Amino acid sequence: MACAEPVLDGVQRDLLDALEFARRWTAAGGAEDELPEPDGKITDDALLASLGGDAHDATRLALAWCSVEEWQPPALAVLCRSAEVRRRYAATLLPACRDLAALERHDLKCLAYALAVLDDEPLVVLHRPTGTGFEVRIGGIGDNFQLHTLLAHVLIGGGHVPGTGPSAESVRLATDPEPARERTDAVATGAFELLAPDGERIWNEGLPDDIPVVEGHRLLVLDEPLYQRSWNADRFFPHLPGTAELTRVLSDDEAQAWFARTSSAKGSRQAS
């Protein structure tokens, strides 16, 4: 907490200054798809003069454009160790981070993923092959590979849906508070197809934050996998253990009411 404020205030300042650099670049006649690479070559006098304002102001914006990626390691160090820090800063920093990343001149994937981590988040999960539904509470999950493993552990490992559950080692790597010292050879195997309520795929490479909110609840549909897939079981953020807790099995009526909000009007069990 002591480090978070100066580090993340610095992140915010440079994200906003880098975005202002891009705004002034395009206002001066530069094309957005021709924004300069973030290196020291952009600090020449002619370019700085084209940004307008005084020289000190223009230099500050150019330096932010060049150095914003360097904030990622210290930012991750504080974000991955405190849910309170993530809650305090994510709403402010994540939009600016995504706006800058969309300009395709900076690699801010790790920062964006850390800011998008959900903590103590309720999730409604529907299992289409059996027509069953569950409430699951998740937290600290860095990507949907990790989410996939933990949902399989909770639902298949808990005997709630059929299938082959994940290995004990892949679950440990997803949840252990102690990070792996080095990359392992452990492999996790996909048990589901992750789908949005409209039937679009939720990619394993994406985030739990990608799961749409329907009537105030994130709603995820699980279906039979289209093909067998596997991945390295190491988690995206080594210092951030994930959690997934089954809080309630939905009644048949509740599950079908949620299925009615998806692209399949009824759960598979009733439809069959």
C-alpha atoms as a PDB file:
ATOM      1  CA  MET A   1       0.000   0.000   0.000  1.00  0.00           C
ATOM      2  CA  ALA A   2       2.865   2.367   0.777  1.00  0.00           C
ATOM      3  CA  CYS A   3       4.283   1.863  -2.724  1.00  0.00           C
ATOM      4  CA  ALA A   4       0.966   1.780  -4.571  1.00  0.00           C
ATOM      5  CA  GLU A   5       0.114   5.469  -4.432  1.00  0.00           C
ATOM      6  CA  PRO A   6       3.340   6.912  -5.889  1.00  0.00           C
ATOM      7  CA  VAL A   7       3.688   4.091  -8.417  1.00  0.00           C
ATOM      8  CA  LEU A   8       0.134   4.138  -9.735  1.00  0.00           C
ATOM      9  CA  ASP A   9      -0.114   7.923  -9.636  1.00  0.00           C
ATOM     10  CA  GLY A  10       2.929   7.886 -11.895  1.00  0.00           C
ATOM     11  CA  VAL A  11       1.253   5.340 -14.155  1.00  0.00           C
ATOM     12  CA  GLN A  12      -1.840   7.522 -14.427  1.00  0.00           C
ATOM     13  CA  ARG A  13       0.163  10.655 -15.162  1.00  0.00           C
ATOM     14  CA  ASP A  14       2.169   9.037 -17.960  1.00  0.00           C
ATOM     15  CA  LEU A  15      -0.849   7.264 -19.486  1.00  0.00           C
ATOM     16  CA  LEU A  16      -2.703  10.567 -19.728  1.00  0.00           C
ATOM     17  CA  ASP A  17       0.367  12.432 -20.984  1.00  0.00           C
ATOM     18  CA  ALA A  18       0.994   9.756 -23.633  1.00  0.00           C
ATOM     19  CA  LEU A  19      -2.621  10.033 -24.788  1.00  0.00           C
ATOM     20  CA  GLU A  20      -2.255  13.814 -24.918  1.00  0.00           C
ATOM     21  CA  PHE A  21       0.879  13.366 -27.038  1.00  0.00           C
ATOM     22  CA  ALA A  22      -1.145  11.286 -29.501  1.00  0.00           C
ATOM     23  CA  ARG A  23      -3.980  13.835 -29.517  1.00  0.00           C
ATOM     24  CA  ARG A  24      -1.610  16.707 -30.289  1.00  0.00           C
ATOM     25  CA  TRP A  25       0.190  14.650 -32.918  1.00  0.00           C
ATOM     26  CA  THR A  26      -3.023  14.080 -34.839  1.00  0.00           C
ATOM     27  CA  ALA A  27      -4.198  17.682 -34.238  1.00  0.00           C
ATOM     28  CA  ALA A  28      -0.970  18.873 -35.868  1.00  0.00           C
ATOM     29  CA  GLY A  29      -1.793  16.873 -38.990  1.00  0.00           C
ATOM     30  CA  GLY A  30      -0.186  13.527 -38.224  1.00  0.00           C
ATOM     31  CA  ALA A  31      -2.123  10.375 -39.075  1.00  0.00           C
ATOM     32  CA  GLU A  32      -3.088   8.170 -36.155  1.00  0.00           C
ATOM     33  CA  ASP A  33      -1.707   5.107 -37.942  1.00  0.00           C
ATOM     34  CA  GLU A  34       1.610   6.948 -38.366  1.00  0.00           C
ATOM     35  CA  LEU A  35       2.181   7.780 -34.711  1.00  0.00           C
ATOM     36  CA  PRO A  36       5.911   7.531 -33.977  1.00  0.00           C
ATOM     37  CA  GLU A  37       7.447   4.552 -32.286  1.00  0.00           C
ATOM     38  CA  PRO A  38       8.040   5.252 -28.589  1.00  0.00           C
ATOM     39  CA  ASP A  39      11.796   5.820 -28.693  1.00  0.00           C
ATOM     40  CA  GLY A  40      14.150   8.709 -28.082  1.00  0.00           C
ATOM     41  CA  LYS A  41      14.145   9.767 -31.730  1.00  0.00           C
ATOM     42  CA  ILE A  42      10.860  11.604 -31.272  1.00  0.00           C
ATOM     43  CA  THR A  43      12.351  14.210 -28.950  1.00  0.00           C
ATOM     44  CA  ASP A  44      13.891  16.286 -31.748  1.00  0.00           C
ATOM     45  CA  ASP A  45      13.135  20.006 -31.694  1.00  0.00           C
ATOM     46  CA  ALA A  46      10.967  20.049 -34.837  1.00  0.00           C
ATOM     47  CA  LEU A  47       8.601  17.382 -33.586  1.00  0.00           C
ATOM     48  CA  LEU A  48       8.355  18.923 -30.141  1.00  0.00           C
ATOM     49  CA  ALA A  49       7.543  22.294 -31.674  1.00  0.00           C
ATOM     50  CA  SER A  50       4.723  20.722 -33.693  1.00  0.00           C
ATOM     51  CA  LEU A  51       3.024  19.613 -30.470  1.00  0.00           C
ATOM     52  CA  GLY A  52       2.389  23.197 -29.418  1.00  0.00           C
ATOM     53  CA  GLY A  53       2.640  24.643 -25.930  1.00  0.00           C
ATOM     54  CA  ASP A  54       5.933  25.467 -24.302  1.00  0.00           C
ATOM     55  CA  ALA A  55       9.023  23.333 -24.806  1.00  0.00           C
ATOM     56  CA  HIS A  56       8.916  21.900 -21.286  1.00  0.00           C
ATOM     57  CA  ASP A  57       5.306  20.778 -21.733  1.00  0.00           C
ATOM     58  CA  ALA A  58       5.995  19.168 -25.112  1.00  0.00           C
ATOM     59  CA  THR A  59       9.063  17.389 -23.775  1.00  0.00           C
ATOM     60  CA  ARG A  60       7.072  15.976 -20.862  1.00  0.00           C
ATOM     61  CA  LEU A  61       4.455  14.526 -23.216  1.00  0.00           C
ATOM     62  CA  ALA A  62       7.083  13.048 -25.525  1.00  0.00           C
ATOM     63  CA  LEU A  63       8.947  11.458 -22.618  1.00  0.00           C
ATOM     64  CA  ALA A  64       5.687   9.928 -21.338  1.00  0.00           C
ATOM     65  CA  TRP A  65       5.041   8.512 -24.817  1.00  0.00           C
ATOM     66  CA  CYS A  66       8.499   6.936 -24.767  1.00  0.00           C
ATOM     67  CA  SER A  67       8.591   5.620 -21.206  1.00  0.00           C
ATOM     68  CA  VAL A  68       5.058   4.594 -20.237  1.00  0.00           C
ATOM     69  CA  GLU A  69       5.764   0.875 -20.732  1.00  0.00           C
ATOM     70  CA  GLU A  70       8.510   1.077 -18.108  1.00  0.00           C
ATOM     71  CA  TRP A  71       5.828   1.559 -15.467  1.00  0.00           C
ATOM     72  CA  GLN A  72       4.517  -1.977 -15.966  1.00  0.00           C
ATOM     73  CA  PRO A  73       6.899  -3.910 -13.660  1.00  0.00           C
ATOM     74  CA  PRO A  74       6.376  -1.679 -10.593  1.00  0.00           C
ATOM     75  CA  ALA A  75       2.662  -1.394 -11.345  1.00  0.00           C
ATOM     76  CA  LEU A  76       2.276  -5.174 -11.516  1.00  0.00           C
ATOM     77  CA  ALA A  77       4.252  -5.548  -8.292  1.00  0.00           C
ATOM     78  CA  VAL A  78       1.626  -3.609  -6.355  1.00  0.00           C
ATOM     79  CA  LEU A  79      -1.486  -4.583  -8.328  1.00  0.00           C
ATOM     80  CA  CYS A  80      -0.823  -8.328  -8.034  1.00  0.00           C
ATOM     81  CA  ARG A  81      -0.373  -8.182  -4.279  1.00  0.00           C
ATOM     82  CA  SER A  82      -3.466  -6.292  -3.188  1.00  0.00           C
ATOM     83  CA  ALA A  83      -7.130  -6.521  -4.148  1.00  0.00           C
ATOM     84  CA  GLU A  84      -7.655  -3.230  -2.325  1.00  0.00           C
ATOM     85  CA  VAL A  85      -5.137  -1.523  -4.606  1.00  0.00           C
ATOM     86  CA  ARG A  86      -6.854  -2.966  -7.681  1.00  0.00           C
ATOM     87  CA  ARG A  87     -10.264  -1.770  -6.499  1.00  0.00           C
ATOM     88  CA  ARG A  88      -8.938   1.692  -5.765  1.00  0.00           C
ATOM     89  CA  TYR A  89      -7.169   2.289  -9.079  1.00  0.00           C
ATOM     90  CA  ALA A  90      -8.672   0.059 -11.774  1.00  0.00           C
ATOM     91  CA  ALA A  91     -11.675   2.225 -12.681  1.00  0.00           C
ATOM     92  CA  THR A  92      -9.406   5.203 -13.331  1.00  0.00           C
ATOM     93  CA  LEU A  93      -6.437   3.530 -14.980  1.00  0.00           C
ATOM     94  CA  LEU A  94      -7.993   0.772 -17.097  1.00  0.00           C
ATOM     95  CA  PRO A  95      -9.825   2.999 -19.634  1.00  0.00           C
ATOM     96  CA  ALA A  96      -6.704   5.117 -20.210  1.00  0.00           C
ATOM     97  CA  CYS A  97      -4.553   1.987 -20.519  1.00  0.00           C
ATOM     98  CA  ARG A  98      -6.887   0.455 -23.088  1.00  0.00           C
ATOM     99  CA  ASP A  99      -7.181   3.713 -25.033  1.00  0.00           C
ATOM    100  CA  LEU A 100      -3.407   3.962 -25.310  1.00  0.00           C
ATOM    101  CA  ALA A 101      -2.984   0.278 -26.186  1.00  0.00           C
ATOM    102  CA  ALA A 102      -5.574   0.705 -28.958  1.00  0.00           C
ATOM    103  CA  LEU A 103      -3.168   3.048 -30.740  1.00  0.00           C
ATOM    104  CA  GLU A 104      -0.923  -0.007 -31.270  1.00  0.00           C
ATOM    105  CA  ARG A 105       2.365   1.615 -30.362  1.00  0.00           C
ATOM    106  CA  HIS A 106       2.712   0.269 -26.820  1.00  0.00           C
ATOM    107  CA  ASP A 107       2.547  -3.254 -25.386  1.00  0.00           C
ATOM    108  CA  LEU A 108       0.422  -2.742 -22.284  1.00  0.00           C
ATOM    109  CA  LYS A 109      -1.236  -6.165 -22.175  1.00  0.00           C
ATOM    110  CA  CYS A 110       0.066  -7.124 -18.727  1.00  0.00           C
ATOM    111  CA  LEU A 111      -0.968  -3.814 -17.176  1.00  0.00           C
ATOM    112  CA  ALA A 112      -4.419  -3.984 -18.766  1.00  0.00           C
ATOM    113  CA  TYR A 113      -4.921  -7.581 -17.606  1.00  0.00           C
ATOM    114  CA  ALA A 114      -3.900  -6.731 -14.030  1.00  0.00           C
ATOM    115  CA  LEU A 115      -6.241  -3.737 -13.906  1.00  0.00           C
ATOM    116  CA  ALA A 116      -9.109  -5.867 -15.249  1.00  0.00           C
ATOM    117  CA  VAL A 117      -8.794  -8.609 -12.606  1.00  0.00           C
ATOM    118  CA  LEU A 118     -12.125  -9.237 -10.882  1.00  0.00           C
ATOM    119  CA  ASP A 119     -12.179  -9.635  -7.116  1.00  0.00           C
ATOM    120  CA  ASP A 120     -14.998 -11.167  -5.069  1.00  0.00           C
ATOM    121  CA  GLU A 121     -17.081 -11.267  -8.268  1.00  0.00           C
ATOM    122  CA  PRO A 122     -20.308 -13.322  -8.475  1.00  0.00           C
ATOM    123  CA  LEU A 123     -20.732 -15.314 -11.658  1.00  0.00           C
ATOM    124  CA  VAL A 124     -23.763 -17.245 -12.923  1.00  0.00           C
ATOM    125  CA  VAL A 125     -22.542 -20.346 -14.769  1.00  0.00           C
ATOM    126  CA  LEU A 126     -24.897 -22.426 -16.937  1.00  0.00           C
ATOM    127  CA  HIS A 127     -23.907 -25.912 -18.094  1.00  0.00           C
ATOM    128  CA  ARG A 128     -25.809 -26.425 -21.324  1.00  0.00           C
ATOM    129  CA  PRO A 129     -25.384 -30.229 -21.732  1.00  0.00           C
ATOM    130  CA  THR A 130     -27.098 -30.899 -18.389  1.00  0.00           C
ATOM    131  CA  GLY A 131     -29.309 -27.795 -18.186  1.00  0.00           C
ATOM    132  CA  THR A 132     -27.928 -27.000 -14.731  1.00  0.00           C
ATOM    133  CA  GLY A 133     -26.860 -23.686 -13.271  1.00  0.00           C
ATOM    134  CA  PHE A 134     -24.541 -22.490 -10.527  1.00  0.00           C
ATOM    135  CA  GLU A 135     -23.458 -19.379  -8.706  1.00  0.00           C
ATOM    136  CA  VAL A 136     -19.684 -19.143  -8.425  1.00  0.00           C
ATOM    137  CA  ARG A 137     -17.643 -16.406  -6.769  1.00  0.00           C
ATOM    138  CA  ILE A 138     -14.264 -15.711  -8.361  1.00  0.00           C
ATOM    139  CA  GLY A 139     -11.280 -13.550  -7.560  1.00  0.00           C
ATOM    140  CA  GLY A 140      -7.671 -12.928  -8.540  1.00  0.00           C
ATOM    141  CA  ILE A 141      -7.933 -14.747 -11.886  1.00  0.00           C
ATOM    142  CA  GLY A 142      -5.519 -13.399 -14.502  1.00  0.00           C
ATOM    143  CA  ASP A 143      -7.005 -14.930 -17.657  1.00  0.00           C
ATOM    144  CA  ASN A 144      -9.645 -17.375 -18.858  1.00  0.00           C
ATOM    145  CA  PHE A 145      -7.202 -20.285 -19.038  1.00  0.00           C
ATOM    146  CA  GLN A 146      -7.027 -20.052 -15.244  1.00  0.00           C
ATOM    147  CA  LEU A 147     -10.792 -19.525 -14.992  1.00  0.00           C
ATOM    148  CA  HIS A 148     -11.402 -22.579 -17.187  1.00  0.00           C
ATOM    149  CA  THR A 149      -9.225 -24.749 -14.939  1.00  0.00           C
ATOM    150  CA  LEU A 150     -10.913 -23.551 -11.763  1.00  0.00           C
ATOM    151  CA  LEU A 151     -14.455 -23.960 -13.107  1.00  0.00           C
ATOM    152  CA  ALA A 152     -13.623 -27.508 -14.147  1.00  0.00           C
ATOM    153  CA  HIS A 153     -12.197 -28.138 -10.689  1.00  0.00           C
ATOM    154  CA  VAL A 154     -15.283 -26.766  -8.923  1.00  0.00           C
ATOM    155  CA  LEU A 155     -17.967 -28.270 -11.167  1.00  0.00           C
ATOM    156  CA  ILE A 156     -16.464 -31.521 -12.453  1.00  0.00           C
ATOM    157  CA  GLY A 157     -14.215 -32.150  -9.474  1.00  0.00           C
ATOM    158  CA  GLY A 158     -17.152 -31.387  -7.190  1.00  0.00           C
ATOM    159  CA  GLY A 159     -19.350 -33.963  -8.965  1.00  0.00           C
ATOM    160  CA  HIS A 160     -21.872 -31.415 -10.246  1.00  0.00           C
ATOM    161  CA  VAL A 161     -21.365 -32.023 -13.989  1.00  0.00           C
ATOM    162  CA  PRO A 162     -19.814 -34.936 -15.900  1.00  0.00           C
ATOM    163  CA  GLY A 163     -16.364 -34.833 -17.393  1.00  0.00           C
ATOM    164  CA  THR A 164     -12.695 -35.210 -16.584  1.00  0.00           C
ATOM    165  CA  GLY A 165     -11.535 -32.736 -13.979  1.00  0.00           C
ATOM    166  CA  PRO A 166      -8.181 -30.963 -14.043  1.00  0.00           C
ATOM    167  CA  SER A 167      -5.086 -32.483 -12.480  1.00  0.00           C
ATOM    168  CA  ALA A 168      -4.218 -31.636  -8.912  1.00  0.00           C
ATOM    169  CA  GLU A 169      -1.043 -29.954 -10.137  1.00  0.00           C
ATOM    170  CA  SER A 170      -2.868 -27.637 -12.552  1.00  0.00           C
ATOM    171  CA  VAL A 171      -5.272 -26.641  -9.768  1.00  0.00           C
ATOM    172  CA  ARG A 172      -2.376 -26.019  -7.407  1.00  0.00           C
ATOM    173  CA  LEU A 173      -0.640 -23.804  -9.952  1.00  0.00           C
ATOM    174  CA  ALA A 174      -3.845 -21.788 -10.377  1.00  0.00           C
ATOM    175  CA  THR A 175      -4.474 -21.290  -6.671  1.00  0.00           C
ATOM    176  CA  ASP A 176      -1.300 -21.680  -4.621  1.00  0.00           C
ATOM    177  CA  PRO A 177      -0.380 -18.432  -2.801  1.00  0.00           C
ATOM    178  CA  GLU A 178       3.283 -19.296  -3.363  1.00  0.00           C
ATOM    179  CA  PRO A 179       4.185 -18.612  -7.001  1.00  0.00           C
ATOM    180  CA  ALA A 180       6.007 -21.203  -9.045  1.00  0.00           C
ATOM    181  CA  ARG A 181       9.736 -20.470  -8.987  1.00  0.00           C
ATOM    182  CA  GLU A 182      10.042 -21.207 -12.678  1.00  0.00           C
ATOM    183  CA  ARG A 183       7.854 -22.209 -15.589  1.00  0.00           C
ATOM    184  CA  THR A 184       6.580 -25.766 -15.249  1.00  0.00           C
ATOM    185  CA  ASP A 185       5.683 -28.448 -17.763  1.00  0.00           C
ATOM    186  CA  ALA A 186       2.255 -29.045 -16.205  1.00  0.00           C
ATOM    187  CA  VAL A 187      -0.561 -29.124 -18.762  1.00  0.00           C
ATOM    188  CA  ALA A 188      -4.238 -28.278 -18.278  1.00  0.00           C
ATOM    189  CA  THR A 189      -6.852 -29.723 -20.637  1.00  0.00           C
ATOM    190  CA  GLY A 190     -10.029 -27.927 -21.652  1.00  0.00           C
ATOM    191  CA  ALA A 191     -13.264 -29.399 -20.348  1.00  0.00           C
ATOM    192  CA  PHE A 192     -15.717 -26.865 -21.763  1.00  0.00           C
ATOM    193  CA  GLU A 193     -16.486 -24.401 -24.500  1.00  0.00           C
ATOM    194  CA  LEU A 194     -16.849 -21.007 -22.815  1.00  0.00           C
ATOM    195  CA  LEU A 195     -19.682 -18.989 -24.365  1.00  0.00           C
ATOM    196  CA  ALA A 196     -21.313 -15.617 -23.896  1.00  0.00           C
ATOM    197  CA  PRO A 197     -25.113 -15.570 -23.500  1.00  0.00           C
ATOM    198  CA  ASP A 198     -25.475 -14.726 -27.218  1.00  0.00           C
ATOM    199  CA  GLY A 199     -23.488 -17.822 -28.176  1.00  0.00           C
ATOM    200  CA  GLU A 200     -20.243 -16.023 -29.032  1.00  0.00           C
ATOM    201  CA  ARG A 201     -17.097 -17.719 -27.815  1.00  0.00           C
ATOM    202  CA  ILE A 202     -15.343 -16.423 -24.711  1.00  0.00           C
ATOM    203  CA  TRP A 203     -11.697 -16.998 -25.552  1.00  0.00           C
ATOM    204  CA  ASN A 204      -9.349 -18.701 -23.112  1.00  0.00           C
ATOM    205  CA  GLU A 205      -6.806 -16.031 -24.027  1.00  0.00           C
ATOM    206  CA  GLY A 206      -9.227 -13.370 -22.786  1.00  0.00           C
ATOM    207  CA  LEU A 207     -10.322 -12.270 -19.344  1.00  0.00           C
ATOM    208  CA  PRO A 208     -13.152 -12.989 -16.916  1.00  0.00           C
ATOM    209  CA  ASP A 209     -13.972  -9.311 -17.453  1.00  0.00           C
ATOM    210  CA  ASP A 210     -15.000 -10.287 -21.017  1.00  0.00           C
ATOM    211  CA  ILE A 211     -17.998 -12.215 -19.658  1.00  0.00           C
ATOM    212  CA  PRO A 212     -21.101 -10.090 -20.329  1.00  0.00           C
ATOM    213  CA  VAL A 213     -23.279  -8.723 -17.561  1.00  0.00           C
ATOM    214  CA  VAL A 214     -26.954  -9.687 -17.879  1.00  0.00           C
ATOM    215  CA  GLU A 215     -29.439  -8.144 -15.450  1.00  0.00           C
ATOM    216  CA  GLY A 216     -26.691  -7.300 -13.007  1.00  0.00           C
ATOM    217  CA  HIS A 217     -24.890 -10.667 -13.131  1.00  0.00           C
ATOM    218  CA  ARG A 218     -22.020 -11.872 -15.265  1.00  0.00           C
ATOM    219  CA  LEU A 219     -23.452 -14.803 -17.195  1.00  0.00           C
ATOM    220  CA  LEU A 220     -21.283 -17.582 -18.634  1.00  0.00           C
ATOM    221  CA  VAL A 221     -22.492 -20.618 -20.588  1.00  0.00           C
ATOM    222  CA  LEU A 222     -20.480 -23.844 -20.659  1.00  0.00           C
ATOM    223  CA  ASP A 223     -20.926 -26.280 -23.522  1.00  0.00           C
ATOM    224  CA  GLU A 224     -19.194 -29.392 -24.805  1.00  0.00           C
ATOM    225  CA  PRO A 225     -15.759 -28.491 -26.222  1.00  0.00           C
ATOM    226  CA  LEU A 226     -15.658 -28.308 -29.993  1.00  0.00           C
ATOM    227  CA  TYR A 227     -12.227 -29.920 -30.000  1.00  0.00           C
ATOM    228  CA  GLN A 228      -9.630 -30.984 -27.459  1.00  0.00           C
ATOM    229  CA  ARG A 229      -7.340 -28.190 -26.353  1.00  0.00           C
ATOM    230  CA  SER A 230      -4.645 -27.948 -23.723  1.00  0.00           C
ATOM    231  CA  TRP A 231      -2.324 -25.285 -22.372  1.00  0.00           C
ATOM    232  CA  ASN A 232       0.527 -24.749 -19.972  1.00  0.00           C
ATOM    233  CA  ALA A 233      -0.988 -24.661 -16.495  1.00  0.00           C
ATOM    234  CA  ASP A 234       1.153 -21.814 -15.160  1.00  0.00           C
ATOM    235  CA  ARG A 235      -0.945 -18.788 -14.291  1.00  0.00           C
ATOM    236  CA  PHE A 236      -0.628 -15.452 -16.084  1.00  0.00           C
ATOM    237  CA  PHE A 237       0.408 -13.544 -12.928  1.00  0.00           C
ATOM    238  CA  PRO A 238       2.716 -15.683 -10.758  1.00  0.00           C
ATOM    239  CA  HIS A 239       2.146 -13.543  -7.647  1.00  0.00           C
ATOM    240  CA  LEU A 240      -1.659 -13.541  -7.945  1.00  0.00           C
ATOM    241  CA  PRO A 241      -3.428 -16.749  -6.837  1.00  0.00           C
ATOM    242  CA  GLY A 242      -6.917 -17.298  -8.209  1.00  0.00           C
ATOM    243  CA  THR A 243     -10.025 -18.405  -6.369  1.00  0.00           C
ATOM    244  CA  ALA A 244     -13.326 -19.904  -7.497  1.00  0.00           C
ATOM    245  CA  GLU A 245     -15.921 -20.951  -4.936  1.00  0.00           C
ATOM    246  CA  LEU A 246     -19.253 -22.606  -5.634  1.00  0.00           C
ATOM    247  CA  THR A 247     -21.697 -20.597  -3.542  1.00  0.00           C
ATOM    248  CA  ARG A 248     -24.973 -22.150  -4.692  1.00  0.00           C
ATOM    249  CA  VAL A 249     -26.496 -24.702  -7.054  1.00  0.00           C
ATOM    250  CA  LEU A 250     -29.442 -23.094  -8.818  1.00  0.00           C
ATOM    251  CA  SER A 251     -32.830 -24.741  -8.702  1.00  0.00           C
ATOM    252  CA  ASP A 252     -34.189 -26.123 -11.983  1.00  0.00           C
ATOM    253  CA  ASP A 253     -36.557 -23.172 -12.313  1.00  0.00           C
ATOM    254  CA  GLU A 254     -33.770 -20.653 -11.669  1.00  0.00           C
ATOM    255  CA  ALA A 255     -31.463 -22.345 -14.155  1.00  0.00           C
ATOM    256  CA  GLN A 256     -34.138 -22.370 -16.862  1.00  0.00           C
ATOM    257  CA  ALA A 257     -34.935 -18.711 -16.192  1.00  0.00           C
ATOM    258  CA  TRP A 258     -31.276 -17.897 -16.852  1.00  0.00           C
ATOM    259  CA  PHE A 259     -31.148 -20.157 -19.906  1.00  0.00           C
ATOM    260  CA  ALA A 260     -34.084 -18.147 -21.269  1.00  0.00           C
ATOM    261  CA  ARG A 261     -31.759 -15.123 -21.312  1.00  0.00           C
ATOM    262  CA  THR A 262     -29.287 -16.898 -23.606  1.00  0.00           C
ATOM    263  CA  SER A 263     -29.313 -17.685 -27.319  1.00  0.00           C
ATOM    264  CA  SER A 264     -30.750 -21.111 -26.431  1.00  0.00           C
ATOM    265  CA  ALA A 265     -34.243 -20.436 -25.117  1.00  0.00           C
ATOM    266  CA  LYS A 266     -34.161 -23.551 -22.940  1.00  0.00           C
ATOM    267  CA  GLY A 267     -31.492 -25.641 -21.271  1.00  0.00           C
ATOM    268  CA  SER A 268     -30.411 -28.767 -23.095  1.00  0.00           C
ATOM    269  CA  ARG A 269     -31.943 -31.118 -20.540  1.00  0.00           C
ATOM    270  CA  GLN A 270     -35.451 -29.773 -21.079  1.00  0.00           C
ATOM    271  CA  ALA A 271     -34.989 -29.272 -24.826  1.00  0.00           C
ATOM    272  CA  SER A 272     -34.008 -32.918 -25.226  1.00  0.00           C
END
